[in-house]
Amino acid sequence: MTNLVEYALGKDPHVSDQPASNIEAGGITFMKGAAVNDDVTYTIEESDDLGVTDPWEAVAPSVNDANEISYSRPLDKDAIFVRLKVTLAE
């Protein structure tokens, strides 16, 4: 995990932390870090094949509040890849 992602998720870059996400049947949740002061943008992206022929595209999260960002997998897809993109405000 990059230092920016560790910062955005409230992890300590000096120690091994718990997993960055909670994966449940049909969805994934990332807990946002308490130290973040609106200087980080969180985006969930999906692809059918890790971006090889199906490019990564931003999707609407099912939850996006001060504490977490979550995404529920579309029921019409058997398999899908999901990633969290974190960017630092300039």
C-alpha atoms as a PDB file:
ATOM      1  CA  MET A   1       0.000   0.000   0.000  1.00  0.00           C
ATOM      2  CA  THR A   2       1.358   3.433  -0.828  1.00  0.00           C
ATOM      3  CA  ASN A   3       1.785   6.021   1.920  1.00  0.00           C
ATOM      4  CA  LEU A   4      -1.075   8.057   0.426  1.00  0.00           C
ATOM      5  CA  VAL A   5      -3.463   5.097   0.633  1.00  0.00           C
ATOM      6  CA  GLU A   6      -2.303   4.327   4.180  1.00  0.00           C
ATOM      7  CA  TYR A   7      -2.931   7.962   5.114  1.00  0.00           C
ATOM      8  CA  ALA A   8      -6.354   7.996   3.433  1.00  0.00           C
ATOM      9  CA  LEU A   9      -7.399   4.830   5.271  1.00  0.00           C
ATOM     10  CA  GLY A  10      -5.981   5.897   8.640  1.00  0.00           C
ATOM     11  CA  LYS A  11      -3.252   3.243   8.671  1.00  0.00           C
ATOM     12  CA  ASP A  12       0.196   3.559  10.222  1.00  0.00           C
ATOM     13  CA  PRO A  13       2.903   3.215   7.524  1.00  0.00           C
ATOM     14  CA  HIS A  14       5.406   1.986  10.139  1.00  0.00           C
ATOM     15  CA  VAL A  15       3.511  -1.135  11.213  1.00  0.00           C
ATOM     16  CA  SER A  16       1.563  -3.967   9.645  1.00  0.00           C
ATOM     17  CA  ASP A  17      -2.135  -3.119   9.816  1.00  0.00           C
ATOM     18  CA  GLN A  18      -5.402  -4.949   9.408  1.00  0.00           C
ATOM     19  CA  PRO A  19      -6.681  -5.356   5.837  1.00  0.00           C
ATOM     20  CA  ALA A  20      -7.612  -2.137   4.044  1.00  0.00           C
ATOM     21  CA  SER A  21     -11.088  -3.361   3.159  1.00  0.00           C
ATOM     22  CA  ASN A  22     -13.933  -5.520   4.339  1.00  0.00           C
ATOM     23  CA  ILE A  23     -15.184  -7.840   1.616  1.00  0.00           C
ATOM     24  CA  GLU A  24     -18.637  -9.315   2.038  1.00  0.00           C
ATOM     25  CA  ALA A  25     -20.877 -11.218  -0.332  1.00  0.00           C
ATOM     26  CA  GLY A  26     -21.620  -8.786  -3.109  1.00  0.00           C
ATOM     27  CA  GLY A  27     -19.721  -5.777  -1.791  1.00  0.00           C
ATOM     28  CA  ILE A  28     -16.594  -4.120  -0.453  1.00  0.00           C
ATOM     29  CA  THR A  29     -16.133  -1.405   2.170  1.00  0.00           C
ATOM     30  CA  PHE A  30     -13.131   0.818   2.881  1.00  0.00           C
ATOM     31  CA  MET A  31     -13.002   2.704   6.193  1.00  0.00           C
ATOM     32  CA  LYS A  32     -11.758   6.256   5.765  1.00  0.00           C
ATOM     33  CA  GLY A  33      -9.017   7.547   8.042  1.00  0.00           C
ATOM     34  CA  ALA A  34      -9.867   9.932  10.859  1.00  0.00           C
ATOM     35  CA  ALA A  35      -6.770  12.007  10.068  1.00  0.00           C
ATOM     36  CA  VAL A  36      -8.006  13.023   6.635  1.00  0.00           C
ATOM     37  CA  ASN A  37      -9.112  16.660   6.466  1.00  0.00           C
ATOM     38  CA  ASP A  38     -10.898  16.863   3.107  1.00  0.00           C
ATOM     39  CA  ASP A  39      -7.543  16.698   1.358  1.00  0.00           C
ATOM     40  CA  VAL A  40      -8.143  13.260  -0.155  1.00  0.00           C
ATOM     41  CA  THR A  41     -10.571  12.149  -2.857  1.00  0.00           C
ATOM     42  CA  TYR A  42     -11.831   8.548  -2.810  1.00  0.00           C
ATOM     43  CA  THR A  43     -13.046   6.882  -6.017  1.00  0.00           C
ATOM     44  CA  ILE A  44     -14.142   3.286  -6.538  1.00  0.00           C
ATOM     45  CA  GLU A  45     -13.398   1.860  -9.971  1.00  0.00           C
ATOM     46  CA  GLU A  46     -14.371  -1.428 -11.606  1.00  0.00           C
ATOM     47  CA  SER A  47     -13.270  -3.539 -14.550  1.00  0.00           C
ATOM     48  CA  ASP A  48     -14.176  -6.973 -15.896  1.00  0.00           C
ATOM     49  CA  ASP A  49     -10.549  -7.901 -16.613  1.00  0.00           C
ATOM     50  CA  LEU A  50      -8.224  -5.667 -14.552  1.00  0.00           C
ATOM     51  CA  GLY A  51      -8.158  -3.054 -17.305  1.00  0.00           C
ATOM     52  CA  VAL A  52      -6.711  -5.301 -20.023  1.00  0.00           C
ATOM     53  CA  THR A  53      -9.556  -4.864 -22.548  1.00  0.00           C
ATOM     54  CA  ASP A  54     -12.186  -3.354 -20.224  1.00  0.00           C
ATOM     55  CA  PRO A  55     -10.776  -0.053 -18.907  1.00  0.00           C
ATOM     56  CA  TRP A  56     -11.136   0.882 -15.252  1.00  0.00           C
ATOM     57  CA  GLU A  57     -14.184   3.106 -14.832  1.00  0.00           C
ATOM     58  CA  ALA A  58     -15.364   5.114 -11.844  1.00  0.00           C
ATOM     59  CA  VAL A  59     -18.641   3.854 -10.386  1.00  0.00           C
ATOM     60  CA  ALA A  60     -21.127   5.368  -7.974  1.00  0.00           C
ATOM     61  CA  PRO A  61     -20.468   4.081  -4.456  1.00  0.00           C
ATOM     62  CA  SER A  62     -23.390   2.668  -2.483  1.00  0.00           C
ATOM     63  CA  VAL A  63     -22.113   4.570   0.586  1.00  0.00           C
ATOM     64  CA  ASN A  64     -19.739   7.536   0.626  1.00  0.00           C
ATOM     65  CA  ASP A  65     -19.804   9.393   3.924  1.00  0.00           C
ATOM     66  CA  ALA A  66     -17.231  10.756   6.372  1.00  0.00           C
ATOM     67  CA  ASN A  67     -16.412   7.278   7.710  1.00  0.00           C
ATOM     68  CA  GLU A  68     -16.542   4.871   4.794  1.00  0.00           C
ATOM     69  CA  ILE A  69     -16.876   4.293   1.084  1.00  0.00           C
ATOM     70  CA  SER A  70     -18.616   1.117  -0.091  1.00  0.00           C
ATOM     71  CA  TYR A  71     -19.586  -0.497  -3.346  1.00  0.00           C
ATOM     72  CA  SER A  72     -22.119  -3.227  -4.063  1.00  0.00           C
ATOM     73  CA  ARG A  73     -21.440  -5.489  -7.024  1.00  0.00           C
ATOM     74  CA  PRO A  74     -24.036  -5.383  -9.816  1.00  0.00           C
ATOM     75  CA  LEU A  75     -26.162  -8.514  -9.606  1.00  0.00           C
ATOM     76  CA  ASP A  76     -26.034  -9.059 -13.372  1.00  0.00           C
ATOM     77  CA  LYS A  77     -22.253  -9.696 -13.333  1.00  0.00           C
ATOM     78  CA  ASP A  78     -20.707 -13.000 -12.260  1.00  0.00           C
ATOM     79  CA  ALA A  79     -17.250 -11.586 -11.609  1.00  0.00           C
ATOM     80  CA  ILE A  80     -15.841  -8.104 -11.389  1.00  0.00           C
ATOM     81  CA  PHE A  81     -12.657  -6.428 -10.194  1.00  0.00           C
ATOM     82  CA  VAL A  82     -12.920  -3.410  -7.925  1.00  0.00           C
ATOM     83  CA  ARG A  83     -10.246  -1.028  -6.687  1.00  0.00           C
ATOM     84  CA  LEU A  84     -10.030   2.088  -4.561  1.00  0.00           C
ATOM     85  CA  LYS A  85      -8.361   5.101  -6.156  1.00  0.00           C
ATOM     86  CA  VAL A  86      -7.097   7.769  -3.761  1.00  0.00           C
ATOM     87  CA  THR A  87      -5.898  11.181  -4.888  1.00  0.00           C
ATOM     88  CA  LEU A  88      -4.481  14.050  -2.870  1.00  0.00           C
ATOM     89  CA  ALA A  89      -5.984  17.490  -3.412  1.00  0.00           C
ATOM     90  CA  GLU A  90      -3.578  19.975  -4.951  1.00  0.00           C
END
